[in-house]
Every structure is written in C-alpha cells, then in structure tokens.
C-alpha cells in the first residue's frame, strides 16, 4: 500500500519535510503565496487558509 499524498489540517505528517498548501484546481491556476511549513514525523498539520486546500509534500 502507498502513502497518502494529500493531507488535511489535524492529520499527522508521515515523514520529516516541508509541506505546502495546494488547492483543488492549483495545477490550473496556482496559488499565490501558499503557506509552507516544516514538520517532523508525527506533528500535526496546521489550519489551511481555506476549506478547499490540502497539504502536500514539497518536491526535493
């Protein structure tokens, strides 16, 4: 089984890394100044800017 790639606020980070907000249509329109957070494995994701956004891990 694979690991989830999109996370909601309150979910726990599966790995250490930098995560960024992504929108439902972000691949079409992009998000200006998305929130970025550095989390350690097991830390909770913070609140999103709006209810339609999710957290994804930034590419290296």
C-alpha atoms as a PDB file:
ATOM      1  CA  UNK A   1       0.000   0.000   0.000  1.00  0.00           C
ATOM      2  CA  UNK A   2       1.155   3.506  -0.734  1.00  0.00           C
ATOM      3  CA  UNK A   3       1.319   6.566   1.422  1.00  0.00           C
ATOM      4  CA  UNK A   4      -1.256   9.353   1.210  1.00  0.00           C
ATOM      5  CA  UNK A   5      -0.104  12.403  -0.761  1.00  0.00           C
ATOM      6  CA  UNK A   6      -2.675  14.999   0.354  1.00  0.00           C
ATOM      7  CA  UNK A   7      -3.358  15.847   3.980  1.00  0.00           C
ATOM      8  CA  UNK A   8      -5.975  17.826   5.904  1.00  0.00           C
ATOM      9  CA  UNK A   9      -5.429  20.069   8.902  1.00  0.00           C
ATOM     10  CA  UNK A  10      -5.022  17.966  12.032  1.00  0.00           C
ATOM     11  CA  UNK A  11      -3.571  14.982  10.149  1.00  0.00           C
ATOM     12  CA  UNK A  12      -0.125  13.840  11.245  1.00  0.00           C
ATOM     13  CA  UNK A  13       2.929  14.173   8.990  1.00  0.00           C
ATOM     14  CA  UNK A  14       4.126  10.769   7.786  1.00  0.00           C
ATOM     15  CA  UNK A  15       7.734  11.953   7.332  1.00  0.00           C
ATOM     16  CA  UNK A  16      10.023  14.875   8.110  1.00  0.00           C
ATOM     17  CA  UNK A  17       9.843  17.529   5.430  1.00  0.00           C
ATOM     18  CA  UNK A  18       8.457  20.776   4.108  1.00  0.00           C
ATOM     19  CA  UNK A  19       4.796  20.781   3.180  1.00  0.00           C
ATOM     20  CA  UNK A  20       2.926  23.354   1.100  1.00  0.00           C
ATOM     21  CA  UNK A  21      -0.732  24.237   0.583  1.00  0.00           C
ATOM     22  CA  UNK A  22      -2.279  23.061  -2.667  1.00  0.00           C
ATOM     23  CA  UNK A  23      -5.724  23.908  -3.980  1.00  0.00           C
ATOM     24  CA  UNK A  24      -8.242  21.728  -5.729  1.00  0.00           C
ATOM     25  CA  UNK A  25      -7.504  23.491  -9.030  1.00  0.00           C
ATOM     26  CA  UNK A  26      -3.928  24.515  -8.241  1.00  0.00           C
ATOM     27  CA  UNK A  27      -2.497  22.742 -11.299  1.00  0.00           C
ATOM     28  CA  UNK A  28      -4.642  25.048 -13.485  1.00  0.00           C
ATOM     29  CA  UNK A  29      -4.479  28.343 -11.631  1.00  0.00           C
ATOM     30  CA  UNK A  30      -1.760  28.085  -8.993  1.00  0.00           C
ATOM     31  CA  UNK A  31      -1.913  29.653  -5.557  1.00  0.00           C
ATOM     32  CA  UNK A  32      -0.316  32.995  -4.808  1.00  0.00           C
ATOM     33  CA  UNK A  33       1.866  32.908  -1.680  1.00  0.00           C
ATOM     34  CA  UNK A  34       0.901  29.431  -0.433  1.00  0.00           C
ATOM     35  CA  UNK A  35       1.618  28.594   3.208  1.00  0.00           C
ATOM     36  CA  UNK A  36       4.691  26.428   3.789  1.00  0.00           C
ATOM     37  CA  UNK A  37       5.508  24.540   6.989  1.00  0.00           C
ATOM     38  CA  UNK A  38       8.385  22.348   8.126  1.00  0.00           C
ATOM     39  CA  UNK A  39       7.145  19.362  10.096  1.00  0.00           C
ATOM     40  CA  UNK A  40       8.746  16.404  11.791  1.00  0.00           C
ATOM     41  CA  UNK A  41       7.242  12.935  11.549  1.00  0.00           C
ATOM     42  CA  UNK A  42       4.130  12.753  13.747  1.00  0.00           C
ATOM     43  CA  UNK A  43       3.499  16.520  14.053  1.00  0.00           C
ATOM     44  CA  UNK A  44       0.014  17.769  13.139  1.00  0.00           C
ATOM     45  CA  UNK A  45      -0.675  19.869  10.080  1.00  0.00           C
ATOM     46  CA  UNK A  46      -1.828  23.427  10.891  1.00  0.00           C
ATOM     47  CA  UNK A  47      -5.049  25.043   9.733  1.00  0.00           C
ATOM     48  CA  UNK A  48      -5.385  25.737   5.994  1.00  0.00           C
ATOM     49  CA  UNK A  49      -6.065  29.174   4.552  1.00  0.00           C
ATOM     50  CA  UNK A  50      -9.467  27.961   3.309  1.00  0.00           C
ATOM     51  CA  UNK A  51     -11.525  24.766   3.403  1.00  0.00           C
ATOM     52  CA  UNK A  52     -10.711  23.712  -0.184  1.00  0.00           C
ATOM     53  CA  UNK A  53      -6.962  23.476   0.355  1.00  0.00           C
ATOM     54  CA  UNK A  54      -4.868  20.468   1.326  1.00  0.00           C
ATOM     55  CA  UNK A  55      -1.247  19.968   2.384  1.00  0.00           C
ATOM     56  CA  UNK A  56       1.221  18.190   0.067  1.00  0.00           C
ATOM     57  CA  UNK A  57       4.921  17.467   0.478  1.00  0.00           C
ATOM     58  CA  UNK A  58       7.175  19.796  -1.490  1.00  0.00           C
ATOM     59  CA  UNK A  59       9.389  18.110  -4.085  1.00  0.00           C
ATOM     60  CA  UNK A  60      13.062  17.971  -3.142  1.00  0.00           C
END
